[in-house]
Amino acid sequence: MNKRSTEAYEPKSLARVTATAAYSAHIQEAMRFDKLRPADYSLVMSIMHAVSQGFTENQWETEQPSAVRDLHNRPPDKESAHADTADRYEQTIALLKNLTLWPW
């Protein structure tokens, strides 16, 4: 029975490791080409942690309430791409999607 539990767990674990490695590669690429803003680095690292844990977007938002709230409360950067979004949170998501750094 213990072997069966391990077998059921391994594919999920392998999928998480694979997803985390792919996400990390996207971060490295964005940093290499100076596309990732320093202000977004800690947010991206929290997303990588969520990916490694297999979290959904809602679980990640629950884990990062202050970061999400702060971004929602800030107006979008008018000099950045996606300046037409409702707030900095939506703008940041759009920017991360452009960099393939939004996993959900």
PDB file of N, CA and C in Angstrom:
ATOM      1  N   MET A   1       0.817  -1.193   0.000  1.00  0.00           N
ATOM      2  CA  MET A   1       0.000   0.000   0.000  1.00  0.00           C
ATOM      3  C   MET A   1       0.861   1.256   0.000  1.00  0.00           C
ATOM      4  N   ASN A   2       1.961   1.224   0.687  1.00  0.00           N
ATOM      5  CA  ASN A   2       2.849   2.372   0.719  1.00  0.00           C
ATOM      6  C   ASN A   2       3.403   2.657  -0.670  1.00  0.00           C
ATOM      7  N   LYS A   3       3.725   1.607  -1.421  1.00  0.00           N
ATOM      8  CA  LYS A   3       4.240   1.796  -2.775  1.00  0.00           C
ATOM      9  C   LYS A   3       3.180   2.457  -3.657  1.00  0.00           C
ATOM     10  N   ARG A   4       1.947   2.069  -3.494  1.00  0.00           N
ATOM     11  CA  ARG A   4       0.857   2.648  -4.288  1.00  0.00           C
ATOM     12  C   ARG A   4       0.707   4.146  -3.990  1.00  0.00           C
ATOM     13  N   SER A   5       0.816   4.532  -2.736  1.00  0.00           N
ATOM     14  CA  SER A   5       0.731   5.945  -2.360  1.00  0.00           C
ATOM     15  C   SER A   5       1.864   6.733  -2.988  1.00  0.00           C
ATOM     16  N   THR A   6       3.042   6.152  -2.983  1.00  0.00           N
ATOM     17  CA  THR A   6       4.205   6.806  -3.578  1.00  0.00           C
ATOM     18  C   THR A   6       4.015   6.979  -5.074  1.00  0.00           C
ATOM     19  N   GLU A   7       3.496   5.961  -5.748  1.00  0.00           N
ATOM     20  CA  GLU A   7       3.288   6.048  -7.189  1.00  0.00           C
ATOM     21  C   GLU A   7       2.264   7.131  -7.537  1.00  0.00           C
ATOM     22  N   ALA A   8       1.253   7.261  -6.731  1.00  0.00           N
ATOM     23  CA  ALA A   8       0.243   8.292  -6.990  1.00  0.00           C
ATOM     24  C   ALA A   8       0.823   9.678  -6.774  1.00  0.00           C
ATOM     25  N   TYR A   9       1.778   9.797  -5.878  1.00  0.00           N
ATOM     26  CA  TYR A   9       2.363  11.087  -5.559  1.00  0.00           C
ATOM     27  C   TYR A   9       3.416  11.514  -6.576  1.00  0.00           C
ATOM     28  N   GLU A  10       4.183  10.586  -7.100  1.00  0.00           N
ATOM     29  CA  GLU A  10       5.300  10.917  -7.981  1.00  0.00           C
ATOM     30  C   GLU A  10       4.920  11.717  -9.223  1.00  0.00           C
ATOM     31  N   PRO A  11       3.859  11.395  -9.958  1.00  0.00           N
ATOM     32  CA  PRO A  11       3.548  12.201 -11.129  1.00  0.00           C
ATOM     33  C   PRO A  11       3.258  13.663 -10.785  1.00  0.00           C
ATOM     34  N   LYS A  12       2.565  13.895  -9.678  1.00  0.00           N
ATOM     35  CA  LYS A  12       2.303  15.268  -9.264  1.00  0.00           C
ATOM     36  C   LYS A  12       3.610  15.967  -8.928  1.00  0.00           C
ATOM     37  N   SER A  13       4.464  15.293  -8.218  1.00  0.00           N
ATOM     38  CA  SER A  13       5.742  15.861  -7.835  1.00  0.00           C
ATOM     39  C   SER A  13       6.589  16.162  -9.072  1.00  0.00           C
ATOM     40  N   LEU A  14       6.634  15.226  -9.989  1.00  0.00           N
ATOM     41  CA  LEU A  14       7.400  15.419 -11.220  1.00  0.00           C
ATOM     42  C   LEU A  14       6.811  16.558 -12.043  1.00  0.00           C
ATOM     43  N   ALA A  15       5.502  16.647 -12.094  1.00  0.00           N
ATOM     44  CA  ALA A  15       4.864  17.742 -12.830  1.00  0.00           C
ATOM     45  C   ALA A  15       5.201  19.085 -12.199  1.00  0.00           C
ATOM     46  N   ARG A  16       5.222  19.149 -10.897  1.00  0.00           N
ATOM     47  CA  ARG A  16       5.573  20.400 -10.213  1.00  0.00           C
ATOM     48  C   ARG A  16       7.026  20.771 -10.461  1.00  0.00           C
ATOM     49  N   VAL A  17       7.896  19.792 -10.389  1.00  0.00           N
ATOM     50  CA  VAL A  17       9.314  20.056 -10.640  1.00  0.00           C
ATOM     51  C   VAL A  17       9.505  20.557 -12.074  1.00  0.00           C
ATOM     52  N   THR A  18       8.837  19.927 -13.008  1.00  0.00           N
ATOM     53  CA  THR A  18       8.924  20.337 -14.402  1.00  0.00           C
ATOM     54  C   THR A  18       8.378  21.744 -14.592  1.00  0.00           C
ATOM     55  N   ALA A  19       7.233  22.027 -14.005  1.00  0.00           N
ATOM     56  CA  ALA A  19       6.632  23.360 -14.117  1.00  0.00           C
ATOM     57  C   ALA A  19       7.520  24.414 -13.472  1.00  0.00           C
ATOM     58  N   THR A  20       8.104  24.085 -12.332  1.00  0.00           N
ATOM     59  CA  THR A  20       8.984  25.029 -11.641  1.00  0.00           C
ATOM     60  C   THR A  20      10.239  25.296 -12.460  1.00  0.00           C
ATOM     61  N   ALA A  21      10.812  24.254 -13.034  1.00  0.00           N
ATOM     62  CA  ALA A  21      12.008  24.430 -13.870  1.00  0.00           C
ATOM     63  C   ALA A  21      11.707  25.281 -15.099  1.00  0.00           C
ATOM     64  N   ALA A  22      10.563  25.051 -15.719  1.00  0.00           N
ATOM     65  CA  ALA A  22      10.176  25.845 -16.890  1.00  0.00           C
ATOM     66  C   ALA A  22       9.950  27.296 -16.487  1.00  0.00           C
ATOM     67  N   TYR A  23       9.290  27.513 -15.371  1.00  0.00           N
ATOM     68  CA  TYR A  23       9.044  28.871 -14.904  1.00  0.00           C
ATOM     69  C   TYR A  23      10.359  29.572 -14.591  1.00  0.00           C
ATOM     70  N   SER A  24      11.261  28.869 -13.936  1.00  0.00           N
ATOM     71  CA  SER A  24      12.570  29.425 -13.627  1.00  0.00           C
ATOM     72  C   SER A  24      13.320  29.818 -14.899  1.00  0.00           C
ATOM     73  N   ALA A  25      13.218  28.992 -15.924  1.00  0.00           N
ATOM     74  CA  ALA A  25      13.871  29.308 -17.206  1.00  0.00           C
ATOM     75  C   ALA A  25      13.285  30.576 -17.817  1.00  0.00           C
ATOM     76  N   HIS A  26      11.978  30.763 -17.692  1.00  0.00           N
ATOM     77  CA  HIS A  26      11.348  31.986 -18.201  1.00  0.00           C
ATOM     78  C   HIS A  26      11.835  33.213 -17.419  1.00  0.00           C
ATOM     79  N   ILE A  27      11.997  33.060 -16.111  1.00  0.00           N
ATOM     80  CA  ILE A  27      12.520  34.160 -15.292  1.00  0.00           C
ATOM     81  C   ILE A  27      13.926  34.515 -15.747  1.00  0.00           C
ATOM     82  N   GLN A  28      14.772  33.503 -15.929  1.00  0.00           N
ATOM     83  CA  GLN A  28      16.146  33.745 -16.344  1.00  0.00           C
ATOM     84  C   GLN A  28      16.209  34.430 -17.697  1.00  0.00           C
ATOM     85  N   GLU A  29      15.354  34.018 -18.604  1.00  0.00           N
ATOM     86  CA  GLU A  29      15.323  34.645 -19.925  1.00  0.00           C
ATOM     87  C   GLU A  29      14.890  36.106 -19.827  1.00  0.00           C
ATOM     88  N   ALA A  30      13.871  36.370 -19.041  1.00  0.00           N
ATOM     89  CA  ALA A  30      13.404  37.752 -18.870  1.00  0.00           C
ATOM     90  C   ALA A  30      14.488  38.609 -18.237  1.00  0.00           C
ATOM     91  N   MET A  31      15.205  38.062 -17.282  1.00  0.00           N
ATOM     92  CA  MET A  31      16.278  38.812 -16.636  1.00  0.00           C
ATOM     93  C   MET A  31      17.453  39.010 -17.591  1.00  0.00           C
ATOM     94  N   ARG A  32      17.766  38.000 -18.373  1.00  0.00           N
ATOM     95  CA  ARG A  32      18.885  38.092 -19.313  1.00  0.00           C
ATOM     96  C   ARG A  32      18.681  39.230 -20.301  1.00  0.00           C
ATOM     97  N   PHE A  33      17.443  39.416 -20.734  1.00  0.00           N
ATOM     98  CA  PHE A  33      17.148  40.462 -21.711  1.00  0.00           C
ATOM     99  C   PHE A  33      16.610  41.734 -21.049  1.00  0.00           C
ATOM    100  N   ASP A  34      16.785  41.823 -19.728  1.00  0.00           N
ATOM    101  CA  ASP A  34      16.410  43.004 -18.959  1.00  0.00           C
ATOM    102  C   ASP A  34      14.944  43.377 -19.154  1.00  0.00           C
ATOM    103  N   LYS A  35      14.083  42.372 -19.188  1.00  0.00           N
ATOM    104  CA  LYS A  35      12.646  42.586 -19.360  1.00  0.00           C
ATOM    105  C   LYS A  35      11.886  42.552 -18.044  1.00  0.00           C
ATOM    106  N   LEU A  36      12.475  41.949 -17.032  1.00  0.00           N
ATOM    107  CA  LEU A  36      11.818  41.834 -15.729  1.00  0.00           C
ATOM    108  C   LEU A  36      12.204  43.032 -14.874  1.00  0.00           C
ATOM    109  N   ARG A  37      11.206  43.812 -14.486  1.00  0.00           N
ATOM    110  CA  ARG A  37      11.468  44.989 -13.661  1.00  0.00           C
ATOM    111  C   ARG A  37      11.879  44.546 -12.260  1.00  0.00           C
ATOM    112  N   PRO A  38      12.858  45.223 -11.676  1.00  0.00           N
ATOM    113  CA  PRO A  38      13.271  44.861 -10.307  1.00  0.00           C
ATOM    114  C   PRO A  38      12.103  44.878  -9.323  1.00  0.00           C
ATOM    115  N   ALA A  39      11.162  45.776  -9.512  1.00  0.00           N
ATOM    116  CA  ALA A  39      10.003  45.852  -8.611  1.00  0.00           C
ATOM    117  C   ALA A  39       9.131  44.604  -8.683  1.00  0.00           C
ATOM    118  N   ASP A  40       9.192  43.873  -9.786  1.00  0.00           N
ATOM    119  CA  ASP A  40       8.368  42.677  -9.955  1.00  0.00           C
ATOM    120  C   ASP A  40       9.074  41.391  -9.541  1.00  0.00           C
ATOM    121  N   TYR A  41      10.355  41.486  -9.202  1.00  0.00           N
ATOM    122  CA  TYR A  41      11.128  40.277  -8.910  1.00  0.00           C
ATOM    123  C   TYR A  41      10.547  39.496  -7.730  1.00  0.00           C
ATOM    124  N   SER A  42      10.242  40.152  -6.623  1.00  0.00           N
ATOM    125  CA  SER A  42       9.726  39.410  -5.460  1.00  0.00           C
ATOM    126  C   SER A  42       8.365  38.801  -5.769  1.00  0.00           C
ATOM    127  N   LEU A  43       7.564  39.491  -6.563  1.00  0.00           N
ATOM    128  CA  LEU A  43       6.263  38.945  -6.970  1.00  0.00           C
ATOM    129  C   LEU A  43       6.450  37.686  -7.806  1.00  0.00           C
ATOM    130  N   VAL A  44       7.375  37.742  -8.737  1.00  0.00           N
ATOM    131  CA  VAL A  44       7.655  36.596  -9.602  1.00  0.00           C
ATOM    132  C   VAL A  44       8.195  35.419  -8.781  1.00  0.00           C
ATOM    133  N   MET A  45       9.006  35.716  -7.799  1.00  0.00           N
ATOM    134  CA  MET A  45       9.527  34.639  -6.952  1.00  0.00           C
ATOM    135  C   MET A  45       8.409  34.013  -6.121  1.00  0.00           C
ATOM    136  N   SER A  46       7.445  34.819  -5.694  1.00  0.00           N
ATOM    137  CA  SER A  46       6.309  34.244  -4.953  1.00  0.00           C
ATOM    138  C   SER A  46       5.457  33.375  -5.879  1.00  0.00           C
ATOM    139  N   ILE A  47       5.370  33.768  -7.141  1.00  0.00           N
ATOM    140  CA  ILE A  47       4.645  32.949  -8.117  1.00  0.00           C
ATOM    141  C   ILE A  47       5.391  31.638  -8.348  1.00  0.00           C
ATOM    142  N   MET A  48       6.723  31.705  -8.428  1.00  0.00           N
ATOM    143  CA  MET A  48       7.488  30.470  -8.614  1.00  0.00           C
ATOM    144  C   MET A  48       7.285  29.529  -7.425  1.00  0.00           C
ATOM    145  N   HIS A  49       7.231  30.078  -6.231  1.00  0.00           N
ATOM    146  CA  HIS A  49       6.947  29.245  -5.060  1.00  0.00           C
ATOM    147  C   HIS A  49       5.568  28.591  -5.194  1.00  0.00           C
ATOM    148  N   ALA A  50       4.587  29.379  -5.637  1.00  0.00           N
ATOM    149  CA  ALA A  50       3.233  28.842  -5.817  1.00  0.00           C
ATOM    150  C   ALA A  50       3.223  27.736  -6.864  1.00  0.00           C
ATOM    151  N   VAL A  51       3.944  27.927  -7.950  1.00  0.00           N
ATOM    152  CA  VAL A  51       4.039  26.903  -8.997  1.00  0.00           C
ATOM    153  C   VAL A  51       4.663  25.632  -8.420  1.00  0.00           C
ATOM    154  N   SER A  52       5.707  25.808  -7.622  1.00  0.00           N
ATOM    155  CA  SER A  52       6.379  24.635  -7.046  1.00  0.00           C
ATOM    156  C   SER A  52       5.485  23.873  -6.076  1.00  0.00           C
ATOM    157  N   GLN A  53       4.516  24.570  -5.484  1.00  0.00           N
ATOM    158  CA  GLN A  53       3.584  23.936  -4.552  1.00  0.00           C
ATOM    159  C   GLN A  53       2.325  23.435  -5.247  1.00  0.00           C
ATOM    160  N   GLY A  54       2.175  23.757  -6.523  1.00  0.00           N
ATOM    161  CA  GLY A  54       0.984  23.334  -7.255  1.00  0.00           C
ATOM    162  C   GLY A  54      -0.236  24.183  -6.943  1.00  0.00           C
ATOM    163  N   PHE A  55      -0.027  25.412  -6.495  1.00  0.00           N
ATOM    164  CA  PHE A  55      -1.133  26.294  -6.125  1.00  0.00           C
ATOM    165  C   PHE A  55      -1.893  26.778  -7.359  1.00  0.00           C
ATOM    166  N   THR A  56      -3.157  27.073  -7.158  1.00  0.00           N
ATOM    167  CA  THR A  56      -3.964  27.753  -8.165  1.00  0.00           C
ATOM    168  C   THR A  56      -3.738  29.257  -8.006  1.00  0.00           C
ATOM    169  N   GLU A  57      -4.271  30.013  -8.941  1.00  0.00           N
ATOM    170  CA  GLU A  57      -4.166  31.470  -8.847  1.00  0.00           C
ATOM    171  C   GLU A  57      -4.813  31.980  -7.555  1.00  0.00           C
ATOM    172  N   ASN A  58      -5.978  31.438  -7.218  1.00  0.00           N
ATOM    173  CA  ASN A  58      -6.658  31.865  -5.990  1.00  0.00           C
ATOM    174  C   ASN A  58      -5.850  31.527  -4.744  1.00  0.00           C
ATOM    175  N   GLN A  59      -5.216  30.372  -4.727  1.00  0.00           N
ATOM    176  CA  GLN A  59      -4.390  30.000  -3.581  1.00  0.00           C
ATOM    177  C   GLN A  59      -3.192  30.941  -3.465  1.00  0.00           C
ATOM    178  N   TRP A  60      -2.602  31.291  -4.596  1.00  0.00           N
ATOM    179  CA  TRP A  60      -1.476  32.221  -4.581  1.00  0.00           C
ATOM    180  C   TRP A  60      -1.929  33.579  -4.054  1.00  0.00           C
ATOM    181  N   GLU A  61      -3.074  34.077  -4.529  1.00  0.00           N
ATOM    182  CA  GLU A  61      -3.581  35.367  -4.064  1.00  0.00           C
ATOM    183  C   GLU A  61      -3.856  35.349  -2.561  1.00  0.00           C
ATOM    184  N   THR A  62      -4.359  34.229  -2.062  1.00  0.00           N
ATOM    185  CA  THR A  62      -4.613  34.091  -0.634  1.00  0.00           C
ATOM    186  C   THR A  62      -3.312  34.103   0.153  1.00  0.00           C
ATOM    187  N   GLU A  63      -2.260  33.520  -0.419  1.00  0.00           N
ATOM    188  CA  GLU A  63      -0.957  33.473   0.244  1.00  0.00           C
ATOM    189  C   GLU A  63      -0.258  34.837   0.219  1.00  0.00           C
ATOM    190  N   GLN A  64      -0.590  35.669  -0.756  1.00  0.00           N
ATOM    191  CA  GLN A  64       0.074  36.965  -0.935  1.00  0.00           C
ATOM    192  C   GLN A  64      -0.906  38.134  -0.807  1.00  0.00           C
ATOM    193  N   PRO A  65      -1.679  38.207   0.260  1.00  0.00           N
ATOM    194  CA  PRO A  65      -2.734  39.224   0.321  1.00  0.00           C
ATOM    195  C   PRO A  65      -2.221  40.659   0.273  1.00  0.00           C
ATOM    196  N   SER A  66      -1.125  40.946   0.950  1.00  0.00           N
ATOM    197  CA  SER A  66      -0.659  42.334   0.973  1.00  0.00           C
ATOM    198  C   SER A  66      -0.118  42.759  -0.385  1.00  0.00           C
ATOM    199  N   ALA A  67       0.601  41.887  -1.065  1.00  0.00           N
ATOM    200  CA  ALA A  67       1.127  42.228  -2.389  1.00  0.00           C
ATOM    201  C   ALA A  67      -0.002  42.446  -3.382  1.00  0.00           C
ATOM    202  N   VAL A  68      -0.988  41.577  -3.353  1.00  0.00           N
ATOM    203  CA  VAL A  68      -2.130  41.692  -4.270  1.00  0.00           C
ATOM    204  C   VAL A  68      -2.926  42.958  -3.954  1.00  0.00           C
ATOM    205  N   ARG A  69      -3.190  43.198  -2.687  1.00  0.00           N
ATOM    206  CA  ARG A  69      -3.938  44.383  -2.280  1.00  0.00           C
ATOM    207  C   ARG A  69      -3.200  45.662  -2.673  1.00  0.00           C
ATOM    208  N   ASP A  70      -1.893  45.706  -2.438  1.00  0.00           N
ATOM    209  CA  ASP A  70      -1.103  46.882  -2.784  1.00  0.00           C
ATOM    210  C   ASP A  70      -1.154  47.169  -4.282  1.00  0.00           C
ATOM    211  N   LEU A  71      -1.064  46.127  -5.088  1.00  0.00           N
ATOM    212  CA  LEU A  71      -1.120  46.321  -6.536  1.00  0.00           C
ATOM    213  C   LEU A  71      -2.505  46.776  -6.985  1.00  0.00           C
ATOM    214  N   HIS A  72      -3.541  46.248  -6.372  1.00  0.00           N
ATOM    215  CA  HIS A  72      -4.906  46.664  -6.712  1.00  0.00           C
ATOM    216  C   HIS A  72      -5.140  48.134  -6.354  1.00  0.00           C
ATOM    217  N   ASN A  73      -4.493  48.596  -5.304  1.00  0.00           N
ATOM    218  CA  ASN A  73      -4.711  49.966  -4.834  1.00  0.00           C
ATOM    219  C   ASN A  73      -3.875  51.012  -5.575  1.00  0.00           C
ATOM    220  N   ARG A  74      -2.952  50.574  -6.402  1.00  0.00           N
ATOM    221  CA  ARG A  74      -2.104  51.523  -7.130  1.00  0.00           C
ATOM    222  C   ARG A  74      -2.619  51.706  -8.550  1.00  0.00           C
ATOM    223  N   PRO A  75      -2.597  52.932  -9.039  1.00  0.00           N
ATOM    224  CA  PRO A  75      -3.011  53.145 -10.434  1.00  0.00           C
ATOM    225  C   PRO A  75      -1.958  52.575 -11.373  1.00  0.00           C
ATOM    226  N   PRO A  76      -2.344  52.265 -12.604  1.00  0.00           N
ATOM    227  CA  PRO A  76      -1.363  51.730 -13.545  1.00  0.00           C
ATOM    228  C   PRO A  76      -0.301  52.767 -13.881  1.00  0.00           C
ATOM    229  N   ASP A  77       0.863  52.288 -14.221  1.00  0.00           N
ATOM    230  CA  ASP A  77       1.961  53.146 -14.659  1.00  0.00           C
ATOM    231  C   ASP A  77       1.635  53.623 -16.069  1.00  0.00           C
ATOM    232  N   LYS A  78       1.406  54.899 -16.220  1.00  0.00           N
ATOM    233  CA  LYS A  78       0.989  55.453 -17.514  1.00  0.00           C
ATOM    234  C   LYS A  78       2.103  55.430 -18.557  1.00  0.00           C
ATOM    235  N   GLU A  79       3.339  55.213 -18.128  1.00  0.00           N
ATOM    236  CA  GLU A  79       4.457  55.196 -19.067  1.00  0.00           C
ATOM    237  C   GLU A  79       4.869  53.774 -19.441  1.00  0.00           C
ATOM    238  N   SER A  80       4.146  52.813 -18.953  1.00  0.00           N
ATOM    239  CA  SER A  80       4.454  51.414 -19.210  1.00  0.00           C
ATOM    240  C   SER A  80       3.433  50.828 -20.180  1.00  0.00           C
ATOM    241  N   ALA A  81       3.766  49.681 -20.695  1.00  0.00           N
ATOM    242  CA  ALA A  81       2.803  48.977 -21.550  1.00  0.00           C
ATOM    243  C   ALA A  81       1.558  48.663 -20.732  1.00  0.00           C
ATOM    244  N   HIS A  82       0.445  48.533 -21.393  1.00  0.00           N
ATOM    245  CA  HIS A  82      -0.843  48.221 -20.752  1.00  0.00           C
ATOM    246  C   HIS A  82      -1.282  49.321 -19.789  1.00  0.00           C
ATOM    247  N   ALA A  83      -1.010  50.554 -20.145  1.00  0.00           N
ATOM    248  CA  ALA A  83      -1.384  51.694 -19.300  1.00  0.00           C
ATOM    249  C   ALA A  83      -2.899  51.859 -19.210  1.00  0.00           C
ATOM    250  N   ASP A  84      -3.634  51.197 -20.089  1.00  0.00           N
ATOM    251  CA  ASP A  84      -5.090  51.322 -20.106  1.00  0.00           C
ATOM    252  C   ASP A  84      -5.790  50.377 -19.131  1.00  0.00           C
ATOM    253  N   THR A  85      -5.057  49.629 -18.345  1.00  0.00           N
ATOM    254  CA  THR A  85      -5.666  48.690 -17.400  1.00  0.00           C
ATOM    255  C   THR A  85      -6.239  49.433 -16.195  1.00  0.00           C
ATOM    256  N   ALA A  86      -7.045  48.739 -15.420  1.00  0.00           N
ATOM    257  CA  ALA A  86      -7.756  49.342 -14.291  1.00  0.00           C
ATOM    258  C   ALA A  86      -6.827  49.715 -13.137  1.00  0.00           C
ATOM    259  N   ASP A  87      -5.836  48.884 -12.868  1.00  0.00           N
ATOM    260  CA  ASP A  87      -4.934  49.141 -11.750  1.00  0.00           C
ATOM    261  C   ASP A  87      -3.597  48.445 -12.005  1.00  0.00           C
ATOM    262  N   ARG A  88      -2.676  48.619 -11.085  1.00  0.00           N
ATOM    263  CA  ARG A  88      -1.331  48.062 -11.256  1.00  0.00           C
ATOM    264  C   ARG A  88      -1.342  46.541 -11.238  1.00  0.00           C
ATOM    265  N   TYR A  89      -2.282  45.938 -10.532  1.00  0.00           N
ATOM    266  CA  TYR A  89      -2.373  44.473 -10.513  1.00  0.00           C
ATOM    267  C   TYR A  89      -2.662  43.946 -11.915  1.00  0.00           C
ATOM    268  N   GLU A  90      -3.687  44.492 -12.567  1.00  0.00           N
ATOM    269  CA  GLU A  90      -4.025  44.059 -13.927  1.00  0.00           C
ATOM    270  C   GLU A  90      -2.885  44.351 -14.895  1.00  0.00           C
ATOM    271  N   GLN A  91      -2.236  45.492 -14.707  1.00  0.00           N
ATOM    272  CA  GLN A  91      -1.101  45.850 -15.557  1.00  0.00           C
ATOM    273  C   GLN A  91       0.050  44.858 -15.364  1.00  0.00           C
ATOM    274  N   THR A  92       0.322  44.522 -14.128  1.00  0.00           N
ATOM    275  CA  THR A  92       1.406  43.581 -13.832  1.00  0.00           C
ATOM    276  C   THR A  92       1.105  42.207 -14.414  1.00  0.00           C
ATOM    277  N   ILE A  93      -0.126  41.751 -14.289  1.00  0.00           N
ATOM    278  CA  ILE A  93      -0.501  40.463 -14.879  1.00  0.00           C
ATOM    279  C   ILE A  93      -0.290  40.494 -16.387  1.00  0.00           C
ATOM    280  N   ALA A  94      -0.718  41.568 -17.032  1.00  0.00           N
ATOM    281  CA  ALA A  94      -0.543  41.683 -18.487  1.00  0.00           C
ATOM    282  C   ALA A  94       0.935  41.664 -18.862  1.00  0.00           C
ATOM    283  N   LEU A  95       1.752  42.364 -18.101  1.00  0.00           N
ATOM    284  CA  LEU A  95       3.188  42.376 -18.375  1.00  0.00           C
ATOM    285  C   LEU A  95       3.801  40.988 -18.170  1.00  0.00           C
ATOM    286  N   LEU A  96       3.378  40.313 -17.096  1.00  0.00           N
ATOM    287  CA  LEU A  96       3.908  38.976 -16.834  1.00  0.00           C
ATOM    288  C   LEU A  96       3.440  37.980 -17.897  1.00  0.00           C
ATOM    289  N   LYS A  97       2.230  38.148 -18.391  1.00  0.00           N
ATOM    290  CA  LYS A  97       1.759  37.281 -19.479  1.00  0.00           C
ATOM    291  C   LYS A  97       2.609  37.480 -20.727  1.00  0.00           C
ATOM    292  N   ASN A  98       2.973  38.712 -21.013  1.00  0.00           N
ATOM    293  CA  ASN A  98       3.833  38.992 -22.171  1.00  0.00           C
ATOM    294  C   ASN A  98       5.193  38.305 -22.041  1.00  0.00           C
ATOM    295  N   LEU A  99       5.667  38.149 -20.827  1.00  0.00           N
ATOM    296  CA  LEU A  99       6.964  37.527 -20.563  1.00  0.00           C
ATOM    297  C   LEU A  99       6.848  36.025 -20.290  1.00  0.00           C
ATOM    298  N   THR A 100       5.679  35.472 -20.456  1.00  0.00           N
ATOM    299  CA  THR A 100       5.386  34.066 -20.153  1.00  0.00           C
ATOM    300  C   THR A 100       5.695  33.764 -18.691  1.00  0.00           C
ATOM    301  N   LEU A 101       5.381  34.721 -17.824  1.00  0.00           N
ATOM    302  CA  LEU A 101       5.623  34.555 -16.391  1.00  0.00           C
ATOM    303  C   LEU A 101       4.323  34.519 -15.600  1.00  0.00           C
ATOM    304  N   TRP A 102       3.197  34.411 -16.277  1.00  0.00           N
ATOM    305  CA  TRP A 102       1.920  34.240 -15.581  1.00  0.00           C
ATOM    306  C   TRP A 102       1.440  32.834 -15.855  1.00  0.00           C
ATOM    307  N   PRO A 103       1.575  31.939 -14.884  1.00  0.00           N
ATOM    308  CA  PRO A 103       1.334  30.512 -15.148  1.00  0.00           C
ATOM    309  C   PRO A 103      -0.122  30.082 -15.170  1.00  0.00           C
ATOM    310  N   TRP A 104      -1.052  30.972 -14.842  1.00  0.00           N
ATOM    311  CA  TRP A 104      -2.448  30.533 -14.737  1.00  0.00           C
ATOM    312  C   TRP A 104      -3.254  30.967 -15.906  1.00  0.00           C
TER     313      TRP A 104
END
